[in-house]
C-alpha atoms as a PDB file:
ATOM      1  CA  MET A   1      -3.269  -2.486  21.164  1.00  0.00           C
ATOM      2  CA  SER A   2      -5.754  -4.326  19.386  1.00  0.00           C
ATOM      3  CA  ALA A   3      -4.715  -7.795  18.347  1.00  0.00           C
ATOM      4  CA  PRO A   4      -4.019  -7.930  14.861  1.00  0.00           C
ATOM      5  CA  ALA A   5      -6.866 -10.168  13.969  1.00  0.00           C
ATOM      6  CA  ASP A   6      -9.180  -7.351  15.657  1.00  0.00           C
ATOM      7  CA  ARG A   7      -7.612  -4.658  13.463  1.00  0.00           C
ATOM      8  CA  ILE A   8      -8.167  -3.867   9.513  1.00  0.00           C
ATOM      9  CA  MET A   9      -5.239  -2.212   7.404  1.00  0.00           C
ATOM     10  CA  ILE A  10      -7.015   0.434   5.536  1.00  0.00           C
ATOM     11  CA  ALA A  11      -3.797   2.391   4.271  1.00  0.00           C
ATOM     12  CA  ARG A  12      -0.052   2.614   3.834  1.00  0.00           C
ATOM     13  CA  ILE A  13       2.058   5.439   4.435  1.00  0.00           C
ATOM     14  CA  GLY A  14       4.087   6.876   1.424  1.00  0.00           C
ATOM     15  CA  ALA A  15       6.989   9.311   1.234  1.00  0.00           C
ATOM     16  CA  PRO A  16       7.232  12.875   2.489  1.00  0.00           C
ATOM     17  CA  HIS A  17       5.059  15.399   0.531  1.00  0.00           C
ATOM     18  CA  GLY A  18       6.864  18.978   0.774  1.00  0.00           C
ATOM     19  CA  VAL A  19       8.934  19.820   3.711  1.00  0.00           C
ATOM     20  CA  ARG A  20       5.958  20.657   6.141  1.00  0.00           C
ATOM     21  CA  GLY A  21       5.211  16.905   7.469  1.00  0.00           C
ATOM     22  CA  GLU A  22       2.796  16.022   4.756  1.00  0.00           C
ATOM     23  CA  VAL A  23       2.927  12.562   3.730  1.00  0.00           C
ATOM     24  CA  ARG A  24       1.600  10.538   0.743  1.00  0.00           C
ATOM     25  CA  VAL A  25      -0.856   7.933   1.216  1.00  0.00           C
ATOM     26  CA  LYS A  26      -2.246   5.130  -0.421  1.00  0.00           C
ATOM     27  CA  PRO A  27      -5.598   4.420   0.902  1.00  0.00           C
ATOM     28  CA  TYR A  28      -7.380   0.771   0.912  1.00  0.00           C
ATOM     29  CA  GLY A  29     -11.026   1.061   0.303  1.00  0.00           C
ATOM     30  CA  ASP A  30     -13.746   2.606  -2.555  1.00  0.00           C
ATOM     31  CA  ASP A  31     -13.487   6.230  -0.906  1.00  0.00           C
ATOM     32  CA  PRO A  32      -9.844   7.453  -0.822  1.00  0.00           C
ATOM     33  CA  LEU A  33     -10.776   9.682   2.064  1.00  0.00           C
ATOM     34  CA  SER A  34     -12.400   7.659   4.172  1.00  0.00           C
ATOM     35  CA  PHE A  35      -9.354   6.525   6.339  1.00  0.00           C
ATOM     36  CA  ALA A  36      -9.791   9.932   7.896  1.00  0.00           C
ATOM     37  CA  ASP A  37     -13.215   9.649   9.258  1.00  0.00           C
ATOM     38  CA  TYR A  38     -11.970   6.714  11.880  1.00  0.00           C
ATOM     39  CA  GLY A  39     -10.237   8.913  14.740  1.00  0.00           C
ATOM     40  CA  LEU A  40      -7.060   7.410  16.001  1.00  0.00           C
ATOM     41  CA  LEU A  41      -4.892   5.137  13.540  1.00  0.00           C
ATOM     42  CA  GLU A  42      -2.467   2.548  14.718  1.00  0.00           C
ATOM     43  CA  THR A  43       0.955   1.536  13.150  1.00  0.00           C
ATOM     44  CA  ARG A  44       0.958  -1.914  12.705  1.00  0.00           C
ATOM     45  CA  ASP A  45       3.007  -3.108  15.716  1.00  0.00           C
ATOM     46  CA  GLY A  46       0.379  -0.222  18.181  1.00  0.00           C
ATOM     47  CA  SER A  47       3.751   1.832  18.780  1.00  0.00           C
ATOM     48  CA  ARG A  48       1.750   4.904  17.313  1.00  0.00           C
ATOM     49  CA  ARG A  49      -1.239   6.115  16.864  1.00  0.00           C
ATOM     50  CA  LEU A  50      -1.775   8.952  14.537  1.00  0.00           C
ATOM     51  CA  GLU A  51      -4.655  11.411  13.960  1.00  0.00           C
ATOM     52  CA  VAL A  52      -5.715  13.007  10.479  1.00  0.00           C
ATOM     53  CA  ILE A  53      -5.383  16.730  10.608  1.00  0.00           C
ATOM     54  CA  SER A  54      -5.966  17.155   6.956  1.00  0.00           C
ATOM     55  CA  ALA A  55      -6.104  15.303   3.450  1.00  0.00           C
ATOM     56  CA  ARG A  56      -6.497  15.819  -0.149  1.00  0.00           C
ATOM     57  CA  VAL A  57      -6.807  13.597  -3.138  1.00  0.00           C
ATOM     58  CA  GLN A  58      -3.962  13.978  -5.507  1.00  0.00           C
ATOM     59  CA  LYS A  59      -3.826  11.663  -8.736  1.00  0.00           C
ATOM     60  CA  SER A  60      -3.522   8.401  -6.804  1.00  0.00           C
ATOM     61  CA  VAL A  61      -2.361   8.911  -3.298  1.00  0.00           C
ATOM     62  CA  VAL A  62      -4.053  11.278  -0.740  1.00  0.00           C
ATOM     63  CA  VAL A  63      -1.455  14.136   0.456  1.00  0.00           C
ATOM     64  CA  THR A  64      -2.277  13.709   4.229  1.00  0.00           C
ATOM     65  CA  ARG A  65      -0.829  15.734   7.504  1.00  0.00           C
ATOM     66  CA  PHE A  66      -0.746  13.932  10.732  1.00  0.00           C
ATOM     67  CA  LYS A  67      -1.287  15.886  14.095  1.00  0.00           C
ATOM     68  CA  GLY A  68       2.690  16.090  15.460  1.00  0.00           C
ATOM     69  CA  VAL A  69       4.208  15.270  11.950  1.00  0.00           C
ATOM     70  CA  ASP A  70       5.560  19.058  11.378  1.00  0.00           C
ATOM     71  CA  ASP A  71       8.638  18.762   9.367  1.00  0.00           C
ATOM     72  CA  ARG A  72       9.906  16.292   6.628  1.00  0.00           C
ATOM     73  CA  ASN A  73      11.980  14.266   9.064  1.00  0.00           C
ATOM     74  CA  ALA A  74       9.352  13.427  11.034  1.00  0.00           C
ATOM     75  CA  ALA A  75       7.266  12.670   7.655  1.00  0.00           C
ATOM     76  CA  GLU A  76      10.013  10.672   6.536  1.00  0.00           C
ATOM     77  CA  ALA A  77      10.307   8.270   9.692  1.00  0.00           C
ATOM     78  CA  LEU A  78       6.435   7.066   8.741  1.00  0.00           C
ATOM     79  CA  ASN A  79       7.338   5.993   5.264  1.00  0.00           C
ATOM     80  CA  GLY A  80       6.195   2.235   4.735  1.00  0.00           C
ATOM     81  CA  GLU A  81       4.065   2.138   7.935  1.00  0.00           C
ATOM     82  CA  ASP A  82       0.652   0.333   7.183  1.00  0.00           C
ATOM     83  CA  LEU A  83      -2.259   2.130   9.222  1.00  0.00           C
ATOM     84  CA  PHE A  84      -4.967   0.168  10.830  1.00  0.00           C
ATOM     85  CA  VAL A  85      -8.091   0.635  12.557  1.00  0.00           C
ATOM     86  CA  ALA A  86     -10.304  -1.435  15.064  1.00  0.00           C
ATOM     87  CA  ARG A  87     -12.595  -4.075  13.160  1.00  0.00           C
ATOM     88  CA  ASP A  88     -15.858  -2.490  14.690  1.00  0.00           C
ATOM     89  CA  ALA A  89     -15.264   0.677  13.586  1.00  0.00           C
ATOM     90  CA  LEU A  90     -15.761  -0.274  10.426  1.00  0.00           C
ATOM     91  CA  PRO A  91     -19.167  -0.102   8.540  1.00  0.00           C
ATOM     92  CA  ASP A  92     -21.084  -3.509   8.617  1.00  0.00           C
ATOM     93  CA  LEU A  93     -21.375  -4.682   4.885  1.00  0.00           C
ATOM     94  CA  ASP A  94     -24.486  -4.860   3.534  1.00  0.00           C
ATOM     95  CA  GLU A  95     -24.348  -6.751   0.286  1.00  0.00           C
ATOM     96  CA  ASP A  96     -23.758 -10.741   0.066  1.00  0.00           C
ATOM     97  CA  ASP A  97     -21.277 -10.308  -2.686  1.00  0.00           C
ATOM     98  CA  THR A  98     -18.940  -7.343  -0.877  1.00  0.00           C
ATOM     99  CA  PHE A  99     -16.046  -8.397   1.558  1.00  0.00           C
ATOM    100  CA  TYR A 100     -13.254  -6.874   3.282  1.00  0.00           C
ATOM    101  CA  HIS A 101     -10.037  -8.221   2.067  1.00  0.00           C
ATOM    102  CA  ALA A 102      -8.805  -8.957   5.401  1.00  0.00           C
ATOM    103  CA  ASP A 103     -11.696 -11.594   5.914  1.00  0.00           C
ATOM    104  CA  LEU A 104     -10.230 -13.452   2.453  1.00  0.00           C
ATOM    105  CA  LEU A 105      -6.800 -13.696   3.323  1.00  0.00           C
ATOM    106  CA  GLY A 106      -6.345 -17.089   4.725  1.00  0.00           C
ATOM    107  CA  LEU A 107      -9.362 -19.186   3.516  1.00  0.00           C
ATOM    108  CA  THR A 108      -8.784 -22.378   1.460  1.00  0.00           C
ATOM    109  CA  ALA A 109      -8.703 -22.013  -2.523  1.00  0.00           C
ATOM    110  CA  VAL A 110     -10.642 -25.129  -3.971  1.00  0.00           C
ATOM    111  CA  ASP A 111     -11.821 -25.609  -7.689  1.00  0.00           C
ATOM    112  CA  VAL A 112     -15.631 -26.365  -8.333  1.00  0.00           C
ATOM    113  CA  ASP A 113     -15.105 -30.334  -7.322  1.00  0.00           C
ATOM    114  CA  GLY A 114     -13.966 -29.407  -3.831  1.00  0.00           C
ATOM    115  CA  THR A 115     -10.169 -30.467  -4.758  1.00  0.00           C
ATOM    116  CA  VAL A 116      -7.899 -28.269  -2.467  1.00  0.00           C
ATOM    117  CA  LEU A 117      -5.888 -25.691  -4.710  1.00  0.00           C
ATOM    118  CA  GLY A 118      -4.136 -23.699  -1.917  1.00  0.00           C
ATOM    119  CA  THR A 119      -4.490 -20.513   0.487  1.00  0.00           C
ATOM    120  CA  VAL A 120      -5.222 -16.905  -0.212  1.00  0.00           C
ATOM    121  CA  ILE A 121      -2.533 -15.049   0.549  1.00  0.00           C
ATOM    122  CA  ALA A 122      -3.227 -11.721  -1.025  1.00  0.00           C
ATOM    123  CA  LEU A 123      -5.530  -9.899  -3.208  1.00  0.00           C
ATOM    124  CA  PRO A 124      -2.875  -7.534  -4.919  1.00  0.00           C
ATOM    125  CA  ASP A 125      -4.372  -4.775  -7.470  1.00  0.00           C
ATOM    126  CA  PHE A 126      -1.136  -3.756 -10.036  1.00  0.00           C
ATOM    127  CA  GLY A 127      -3.954  -1.307 -11.918  1.00  0.00           C
ATOM    128  CA  ALA A 128      -5.908  -3.705 -13.767  1.00  0.00           C
ATOM    129  CA  GLY A 129      -8.345  -4.871 -10.972  1.00  0.00           C
ATOM    130  CA  THR A 130      -7.776  -7.009  -7.951  1.00  0.00           C
ATOM    131  CA  LEU A 131      -6.329 -10.476  -8.291  1.00  0.00           C
ATOM    132  CA  VAL A 132      -6.227 -13.057  -6.051  1.00  0.00           C
ATOM    133  CA  GLU A 133      -3.408 -14.936  -5.318  1.00  0.00           C
ATOM    134  CA  ILE A 134      -3.264 -18.354  -4.456  1.00  0.00           C
ATOM    135  CA  LYS A 135      -0.448 -20.971  -2.509  1.00  0.00           C
ATOM    136  CA  PRO A 136      -0.328 -24.185  -3.197  1.00  0.00           C
ATOM    137  CA  GLU A 137       1.167 -26.502  -0.838  1.00  0.00           C
ATOM    138  CA  THR A 138       4.080 -27.129  -2.771  1.00  0.00           C
ATOM    139  CA  ALA A 139       4.441 -25.338  -5.391  1.00  0.00           C
ATOM    140  CA  ALA A 140       4.647 -21.487  -6.469  1.00  0.00           C
ATOM    141  CA  SER A 141       2.136 -19.360  -5.997  1.00  0.00           C
ATOM    142  CA  TYR A 142      -0.240 -17.683  -8.558  1.00  0.00           C
ATOM    143  CA  PHE A 143      -2.827 -15.176  -9.441  1.00  0.00           C
ATOM    144  CA  VAL A 144      -6.392 -15.388 -10.987  1.00  0.00           C
ATOM    145  CA  PRO A 145      -8.654 -12.586 -11.357  1.00  0.00           C
ATOM    146  CA  PHE A 146     -11.292 -11.575  -8.658  1.00  0.00           C
ATOM    147  CA  THR A 147     -13.825 -11.611 -11.131  1.00  0.00           C
ATOM    148  CA  GLN A 148     -17.370 -13.252 -10.923  1.00  0.00           C
ATOM    149  CA  ALA A 149     -16.594 -15.896 -13.487  1.00  0.00           C
ATOM    150  CA  CYS A 150     -13.132 -16.681 -11.597  1.00  0.00           C
ATOM    151  CA  VAL A 151     -14.525 -16.508  -8.159  1.00  0.00           C
ATOM    152  CA  PRO A 152     -18.109 -17.463  -8.302  1.00  0.00           C
ATOM    153  CA  ASP A 153     -18.533 -18.459  -4.551  1.00  0.00           C
ATOM    154  CA  ILE A 154     -16.934 -17.140  -1.297  1.00  0.00           C
ATOM    155  CA  ASP A 155     -18.129 -19.397   1.799  1.00  0.00           C
ATOM    156  CA  LEU A 156     -16.534 -17.359   4.722  1.00  0.00           C
ATOM    157  CA  GLY A 157     -18.556 -19.663   7.282  1.00  0.00           C
ATOM    158  CA  ALA A 158     -16.714 -22.606   5.464  1.00  0.00           C
ATOM    159  CA  GLY A 159     -13.978 -20.709   5.242  1.00  0.00           C
ATOM    160  CA  ARG A 160     -13.550 -21.409   1.424  1.00  0.00           C
ATOM    161  CA  ILE A 161     -13.431 -19.578  -1.910  1.00  0.00           C
ATOM    162  CA  THR A 162     -14.144 -21.361  -5.039  1.00  0.00           C
ATOM    163  CA  ILE A 163     -11.855 -20.688  -7.933  1.00  0.00           C
ATOM    164  CA  VAL A 164     -12.858 -21.213 -11.805  1.00  0.00           C
ATOM    165  CA  PRO A 165      -9.251 -20.418 -13.498  1.00  0.00           C
ATOM    166  CA  PRO A 166      -9.290 -18.531 -16.686  1.00  0.00           C
ATOM    167  CA  PRO A 167      -9.459 -20.442 -20.012  1.00  0.00           C
ATOM    168  CA  ALA A 168      -6.008 -21.701 -21.391  1.00  0.00           C
ATOM    169  CA  TYR A 169      -3.804 -19.449 -23.324  1.00  0.00           C
ATOM    170  CA  GLU A 170      -3.427 -20.197 -26.946  1.00  0.00           C
ATOM    171  CA  ASP A 171      -0.391 -17.932 -28.444  1.00  0.00           C
ATOM    172  CA  GLU A 172       0.023 -17.375 -32.090  1.00  0.00           C
ATOM    173  CA  ASP A 173       1.002 -20.386 -33.217  1.00  0.00           C
ATOM    174  CA  GLY A 174      -2.192 -21.791 -31.894  1.00  0.00           C
ATOM    175  CA  GLU A 175      -0.610 -23.732 -29.497  1.00  0.00           C
ATOM    176  CA  THR A 176      -1.980 -24.113 -25.794  1.00  0.00           C
ATOM    177  CA  ASP A 177      -0.344 -24.052 -22.685  1.00  0.00           C
ATOM    178  CA  GLU A 178      -1.541 -25.411 -19.762  1.00  0.00           C
ATOM    179  CA  ASP A 179       0.604 -23.864 -17.450  1.00  0.00           C
ATOM    180  CA  GLU A 180      -0.303 -20.396 -18.357  1.00  0.00           C
ATOM    181  CA  THR A 181      -4.004 -20.884 -17.459  1.00  0.00           C
ATOM    182  CA  SER A 182      -3.435 -18.455 -14.268  1.00  0.00           C
ATOM    183  CA  THR A 183       0.064 -15.904 -13.872  1.00  0.00           C
ATOM    184  CA  PRO A 184       2.340 -17.462 -11.482  1.00  0.00           C
ATOM    185  CA  ALA A 185       3.785 -15.020  -8.789  1.00  0.00           C
ATOM    186  CA  ALA A 186       7.366 -13.937  -8.801  1.00  0.00           C
ATOM    187  CA  ASP A 187       9.167 -15.413  -5.661  1.00  0.00           C
END
Protein backbone atom coordinates (compact mmCIF):
# COMPACT_ATOMS: atom_id res chain seq x y z
CA MET A 1 0.00 0.00 0.00
CA SER A 2 1.30 3.45 -0.93
CA ALA A 3 1.55 6.13 1.74
CA PRO A 4 -1.37 8.59 1.47
CA ALA A 5 0.96 11.44 0.42
CA ASP A 6 2.07 9.32 -2.54
CA ARG A 7 -1.48 8.76 -3.75
CA ILE A 8 -4.12 10.97 -5.35
CA MET A 9 -7.87 10.37 -5.04
CA ILE A 10 -9.28 10.23 -8.54
CA ALA A 11 -12.83 8.90 -8.05
CA ARG A 12 -15.51 7.84 -5.57
CA ILE A 13 -17.73 4.81 -5.98
CA GLY A 14 -21.43 5.38 -5.51
CA ALA A 15 -24.52 3.20 -5.57
CA PRO A 16 -24.90 0.04 -7.63
CA HIS A 17 -26.30 0.30 -11.14
CA GLY A 18 -28.48 -2.70 -11.91
CA VAL A 19 -27.99 -6.25 -10.66
CA ARG A 20 -24.85 -7.38 -12.51
CA GLY A 21 -22.20 -5.67 -10.40
CA GLU A 22 -21.95 -2.30 -12.09
CA VAL A 23 -21.54 0.81 -9.92
CA ARG A 24 -21.90 4.54 -10.41
CA VAL A 25 -18.55 6.30 -10.12
CA LYS A 26 -17.99 10.03 -9.63
CA PRO A 27 -14.64 10.81 -11.24
CA TYR A 28 -12.45 13.75 -10.23
CA GLY A 29 -10.75 15.11 -13.29
CA ASP A 30 -11.30 16.86 -16.57
CA ASP A 31 -11.96 13.65 -18.52
CA PRO A 32 -14.62 11.54 -16.79
CA LEU A 33 -13.20 8.30 -18.20
CA SER A 34 -9.55 8.97 -17.36
CA PHE A 35 -9.69 7.11 -14.03
CA ALA A 36 -10.00 3.88 -16.05
CA ASP A 37 -6.60 4.48 -17.70
CA TYR A 38 -4.39 4.03 -14.62
CA GLY A 39 -4.52 0.27 -14.11
CA LEU A 40 -5.30 -0.95 -10.61
CA LEU A 41 -7.10 1.53 -8.38
CA GLU A 42 -6.59 1.34 -4.64
CA THR A 43 -9.14 1.97 -1.88
CA ARG A 44 -8.34 4.53 0.85
CA ASP A 45 -7.15 1.92 3.34
CA GLY A 46 -5.30 -0.02 0.65
CA SER A 47 -7.20 -3.21 1.42
CA ARG A 48 -8.53 -3.58 -2.14
CA ARG A 49 -7.20 -3.03 -5.60
CA LEU A 50 -9.80 -2.74 -8.32
CA GLU A 51 -9.37 -3.18 -12.05
CA VAL A 52 -11.78 -1.40 -14.39
CA ILE A 53 -13.25 -3.76 -16.98
CA SER A 54 -15.66 -1.28 -18.57
CA ALA A 55 -16.77 2.31 -18.07
CA ARG A 56 -19.34 4.48 -19.80
CA VAL A 57 -20.54 7.99 -19.12
CA GLN A 58 -24.18 8.23 -18.12
CA LYS A 59 -25.36 11.73 -17.18
CA SER A 60 -23.15 12.95 -14.33
CA VAL A 61 -21.59 9.60 -13.39
CA VAL A 62 -19.57 6.86 -15.03
CA VAL A 63 -21.22 3.44 -14.90
CA THR A 64 -18.32 1.11 -14.19
CA ARG A 65 -17.70 -2.62 -13.93
CA PHE A 66 -14.76 -3.82 -11.85
CA LYS A 67 -13.12 -7.22 -12.21
CA GLY A 68 -14.51 -9.64 -9.61
CA VAL A 69 -17.57 -7.50 -8.81
CA ASP A 70 -20.26 -9.61 -10.44
CA ASP A 71 -23.51 -8.96 -8.57
CA ARG A 72 -25.44 -6.25 -6.78
CA ASN A 73 -24.30 -7.37 -3.31
CA ALA A 74 -20.63 -7.04 -4.27
CA ALA A 75 -21.38 -3.66 -5.87
CA GLU A 76 -23.19 -2.44 -2.73
CA ALA A 77 -20.13 -3.32 -0.63
CA LEU A 78 -18.12 -0.77 -2.64
CA ASN A 79 -20.53 2.15 -2.13
CA GLY A 80 -18.68 5.17 -0.74
CA GLU A 81 -15.16 3.86 -1.43
CA ASP A 82 -12.64 6.45 -2.58
CA LEU A 83 -10.27 5.33 -5.34
CA PHE A 84 -6.61 6.33 -5.47
CA VAL A 85 -3.69 6.02 -7.86
CA ALA A 86 0.00 6.49 -7.25
CA ARG A 87 0.91 10.13 -7.73
CA ASP A 88 3.68 9.27 -10.17
CA ALA A 89 1.10 7.57 -12.44
CA LEU A 90 -0.57 10.91 -13.13
CA PRO A 91 0.67 13.12 -15.96
CA ASP A 92 2.84 16.12 -15.17
CA LEU A 93 1.01 19.43 -15.32
CA ASP A 94 2.45 21.70 -17.99
CA GLU A 95 0.47 24.85 -17.33
CA ASP A 96 1.47 27.20 -14.51
CA ASP A 97 -2.14 27.78 -13.46
CA THR A 98 -3.15 24.11 -13.31
CA PHE A 99 -2.99 22.16 -10.06
CA TYR A 100 -4.04 18.89 -8.56
CA HIS A 101 -6.46 19.63 -5.74
CA ALA A 102 -4.38 17.43 -3.45
CA ASP A 103 -1.50 19.92 -3.85
CA LEU A 104 -3.66 22.78 -2.56
CA LEU A 105 -5.01 21.07 0.55
CA GLY A 106 -3.18 22.21 3.66
CA LEU A 107 -1.80 25.41 2.09
CA THR A 108 -1.88 28.53 4.23
CA ALA A 109 -4.45 31.03 2.96
CA VAL A 110 -3.27 34.64 3.19
CA ASP A 111 -4.72 37.98 2.09
CA VAL A 112 -2.87 40.32 -0.28
CA ASP A 113 -1.03 41.88 2.69
CA GLY A 114 0.20 38.46 3.86
CA THR A 115 -2.13 38.22 6.86
CA VAL A 116 -2.94 34.57 7.57
CA LEU A 117 -6.62 33.79 6.99
CA GLY A 118 -6.50 30.06 7.71
CA THR A 119 -5.79 26.76 6.00
CA VAL A 120 -7.24 25.32 2.78
CA ILE A 121 -9.22 22.25 3.88
CA ALA A 122 -11.30 21.40 0.79
CA LEU A 123 -12.05 22.36 -2.81
CA PRO A 124 -15.67 21.31 -3.31
CA ASP A 125 -17.77 21.85 -6.40
CA PHE A 126 -21.49 21.86 -5.66
CA GLY A 127 -22.36 22.41 -9.31
CA ALA A 128 -21.66 26.10 -9.88
CA GLY A 129 -17.86 25.94 -9.92
CA THR A 130 -15.05 25.03 -7.59
CA LEU A 131 -14.80 26.75 -4.21
CA VAL A 132 -11.90 27.03 -1.78
CA GLU A 133 -12.87 26.16 1.79
CA ILE A 134 -10.72 28.00 4.32
CA LYS A 135 -10.60 27.11 8.01
CA PRO A 136 -9.41 29.93 10.28
CA GLU A 137 -7.73 28.85 13.50
CA THR A 138 -10.59 29.91 15.79
CA ALA A 139 -13.69 30.33 13.60
CA ALA A 140 -15.97 28.35 11.31
CA SER A 141 -14.68 27.55 7.85
CA TYR A 142 -15.89 29.56 4.87
CA PHE A 143 -15.86 29.41 1.08
CA VAL A 144 -14.51 31.71 -1.62
CA PRO A 145 -14.83 31.08 -5.35
CA PHE A 146 -11.80 29.40 -6.93
CA THR A 147 -11.43 32.07 -9.60
CA GLN A 148 -8.52 34.21 -10.76
CA ALA A 149 -10.15 37.25 -9.12
CA CYS A 150 -10.51 35.62 -5.68
CA VAL A 151 -7.40 33.43 -5.84
CA PRO A 152 -4.84 35.50 -7.76
CA ASP A 153 -1.73 33.61 -6.61
CA ILE A 154 -0.83 30.07 -5.63
CA ASP A 155 2.73 29.48 -4.47
CA LEU A 156 3.23 25.77 -3.85
CA GLY A 157 6.90 26.28 -2.96
CA ALA A 158 6.01 28.73 -0.19
CA GLY A 159 2.97 26.68 0.84
CA ARG A 160 0.49 29.52 0.48
CA ILE A 161 -2.49 30.66 -1.52
CA THR A 162 -3.51 34.32 -1.79
CA ILE A 163 -7.20 35.05 -1.23
CA VAL A 164 -9.08 38.20 -2.23
CA PRO A 165 -12.58 37.91 -0.78
CA PRO A 166 -15.40 38.88 -3.11
CA PRO A 167 -16.95 42.31 -2.46
CA ALA A 168 -19.42 42.68 0.38
CA TYR A 169 -22.98 41.67 -0.38
CA GLU A 170 -25.53 44.48 -0.65
CA ASP A 171 -29.04 43.40 0.32
CA GLU A 172 -32.37 44.67 -1.06
CA ASP A 173 -32.36 47.65 1.33
CA GLY A 174 -28.94 48.74 0.10
CA GLU A 175 -27.27 47.69 3.35
CA THR A 176 -23.87 46.07 3.18
CA ASP A 177 -23.24 43.06 5.37
CA GLU A 178 -19.50 42.69 5.89
CA ASP A 179 -20.02 39.18 7.29
CA GLU A 180 -21.39 38.02 3.93
CA THR A 181 -18.22 38.55 1.89
CA SER A 182 -18.01 34.80 1.62
CA THR A 183 -20.27 31.86 2.30
CA PRO A 184 -19.82 30.22 5.71
CA ALA A 185 -19.53 26.44 5.63
CA ALA A 186 -22.04 24.31 7.44
CA ASP A 187 -20.58 22.73 10.57
